[in-house]
Amino acid sequence: NIILMGEIPLCDKCKNYVKPGVIFFGESLPGKFFTLLSKDIPKATGLIVIGSSLKVAPVSEIPEKVSNSVPRLVLNKDRLSGFRRQLDFQINGDCQESIDILMDELQWKDDFNKYYNTIKVE
């Protein structure tokens, strides 16, 4: 609620600002990111990019690391250049609407809702 009021939350113990569990622009990614990426890329059977301009490395380099035989799907407001492989697909527009349509078309909505109802969302 503090954030919704436009205030920055403080730690109860040390009274310093609380930093969210995200990586801000300009910050380095943790080493674990690169370790997991190097293990996952060779095993990838598909790649989905949602809501990213793919303009900032190293994340921008991930789509080029997967094999040419791996289908790549982009859901993004604007069309991205560089996605011209035979197995590339782009759906442009509102990402949430695109996800909803995709889940309907693939008949994933019931499974998603069952899973979503089992997790705690704050």
Foldseek 3Di string as FASTA:
>chain_A
DCVVVVHFDADPPPRHTDDDPDADPPGDDDPVVVVVLVVVQAVAQEEEAEADQLPDPDSVVSVVSHDLNHAYEYEYQDDHPPQDRPRYYYDHRDRVVVVVVVCVVVVNVVVVVVVVVVDDDD
